[in-house]
C-alpha atoms as a PDB file:
ATOM      1  CA  MET A   1      14.537  -5.069   8.617  1.00  0.00           C
ATOM      2  CA  SER A   2      16.523  -3.674   5.724  1.00  0.00           C
ATOM      3  CA  GLU A   3      16.076  -0.084   4.677  1.00  0.00           C
ATOM      4  CA  PHE A   4      16.338   1.214   1.142  1.00  0.00           C
ATOM      5  CA  ASN A   5      16.801   4.671  -0.316  1.00  0.00           C
ATOM      6  CA  LEU A   6      15.307   5.367  -3.701  1.00  0.00           C
ATOM      7  CA  THR A   7      15.611   8.513  -5.749  1.00  0.00           C
ATOM      8  CA  ILE A   8      12.645   9.124  -8.028  1.00  0.00           C
ATOM      9  CA  SER A   9      11.287  12.124  -9.881  1.00  0.00           C
ATOM     10  CA  GLN A  10       8.157  13.978  -8.776  1.00  0.00           C
ATOM     11  CA  ALA A  11       6.252  12.459 -11.696  1.00  0.00           C
ATOM     12  CA  GLN A  12       7.344   8.954 -10.656  1.00  0.00           C
ATOM     13  CA  HIS A  13       6.369   9.705  -7.057  1.00  0.00           C
ATOM     14  CA  ASP A  14       2.928  10.900  -8.124  1.00  0.00           C
ATOM     15  CA  LEU A  15       2.427   7.816 -10.287  1.00  0.00           C
ATOM     16  CA  LEU A  16       3.495   5.513  -7.463  1.00  0.00           C
ATOM     17  CA  VAL A  17       1.093   7.193  -5.041  1.00  0.00           C
ATOM     18  CA  ARG A  18      -1.806   6.877  -7.500  1.00  0.00           C
ATOM     19  CA  MET A  19      -1.036   3.233  -8.238  1.00  0.00           C
ATOM     20  CA  LEU A  20      -0.650   2.372  -4.570  1.00  0.00           C
ATOM     21  CA  SER A  21      -3.883   4.180  -3.661  1.00  0.00           C
ATOM     22  CA  THR A  22      -5.731   2.148  -6.270  1.00  0.00           C
ATOM     23  CA  ALA A  23      -4.132  -1.070  -5.019  1.00  0.00           C
ATOM     24  CA  VAL A  24      -5.137  -0.311  -1.414  1.00  0.00           C
ATOM     25  CA  LYS A  25      -8.745   0.254  -2.485  1.00  0.00           C
ATOM     26  CA  SER A  26      -8.756  -3.003  -4.448  1.00  0.00           C
ATOM     27  CA  LYS A  27      -7.221  -4.888  -1.536  1.00  0.00           C
ATOM     28  CA  ARG A  28      -9.877  -3.483   0.800  1.00  0.00           C
ATOM     29  CA  VAL A  29     -12.601  -4.833  -1.498  1.00  0.00           C
ATOM     30  CA  GLU A  30     -10.848  -8.209  -1.683  1.00  0.00           C
ATOM     31  CA  VAL A  31     -10.623  -8.382   2.123  1.00  0.00           C
ATOM     32  CA  HIS A  32     -14.295  -7.472   2.434  1.00  0.00           C
ATOM     33  CA  ARG A  33     -15.339 -10.177  -0.031  1.00  0.00           C
ATOM     34  CA  THR A  34     -13.188 -12.912   1.496  1.00  0.00           C
ATOM     35  CA  GLU A  35     -15.418 -15.028   3.708  1.00  0.00           C
ATOM     36  CA  PHE A  36     -14.231 -18.609   3.527  1.00  0.00           C
ATOM     37  CA  SER A  37     -10.714 -18.634   4.894  1.00  0.00           C
ATOM     38  CA  ARG A  38      -9.808 -16.661   7.996  1.00  0.00           C
ATOM     39  CA  ASP A  39      -6.110 -17.274   7.449  1.00  0.00           C
ATOM     40  CA  TYR A  40      -6.267 -15.936   3.912  1.00  0.00           C
ATOM     41  CA  ARG A  41      -8.295 -12.944   5.074  1.00  0.00           C
ATOM     42  CA  HIS A  42      -5.664 -12.168   7.718  1.00  0.00           C
ATOM     43  CA  GLU A  43      -2.950 -12.347   5.040  1.00  0.00           C
ATOM     44  CA  LEU A  44      -4.910  -9.892   2.909  1.00  0.00           C
ATOM     45  CA  GLU A  45      -5.396  -7.557   5.866  1.00  0.00           C
ATOM     46  CA  ALA A  46      -1.658  -7.642   6.566  1.00  0.00           C
ATOM     47  CA  GLU A  47      -0.903  -6.811   2.924  1.00  0.00           C
ATOM     48  CA  GLU A  48      -3.385  -3.944   3.047  1.00  0.00           C
ATOM     49  CA  ALA A  49      -1.742  -2.592   6.209  1.00  0.00           C
ATOM     50  CA  GLU A  50       1.723  -2.756   4.614  1.00  0.00           C
ATOM     51  CA  MET A  51       0.503  -0.965   1.495  1.00  0.00           C
ATOM     52  CA  GLN A  52      -1.187   1.705   3.603  1.00  0.00           C
ATOM     53  CA  ALA A  53       2.000   2.202   5.644  1.00  0.00           C
ATOM     54  CA  LEU A  54       4.004   2.619   2.438  1.00  0.00           C
ATOM     55  CA  LEU A  55       1.482   5.109   1.100  1.00  0.00           C
ATOM     56  CA  GLU A  56       1.747   7.112   4.332  1.00  0.00           C
ATOM     57  CA  LYS A  57       5.543   7.151   4.043  1.00  0.00           C
ATOM     58  CA  LEU A  58       5.278   8.421   0.474  1.00  0.00           C
ATOM     59  CA  SER A  59       2.850  11.130   1.564  1.00  0.00           C
ATOM     60  CA  THR A  60       5.150  12.160   4.396  1.00  0.00           C
ATOM     61  CA  ALA A  61       8.146  12.254   2.058  1.00  0.00           C
ATOM     62  CA  ALA A  62       6.272  14.526  -0.336  1.00  0.00           C
ATOM     63  CA  ALA A  63       5.474  16.973   2.454  1.00  0.00           C
ATOM     64  CA  VAL A  64       9.148  17.369   3.396  1.00  0.00           C
END
């Protein structure tokens, strides 16, 4: 897995956190409403998990 370093301002960080939080909530709704395809639902759940992990990293970075 490649790692990346990114320098952003506090305002950009805050915006990214807000946007990602909204995207996680939307993804959760999409997962909940997906009934027909188990494979697709699993893909959505994986995306949600990745977004949540990124959000946690951003929150941790802000606390440092």
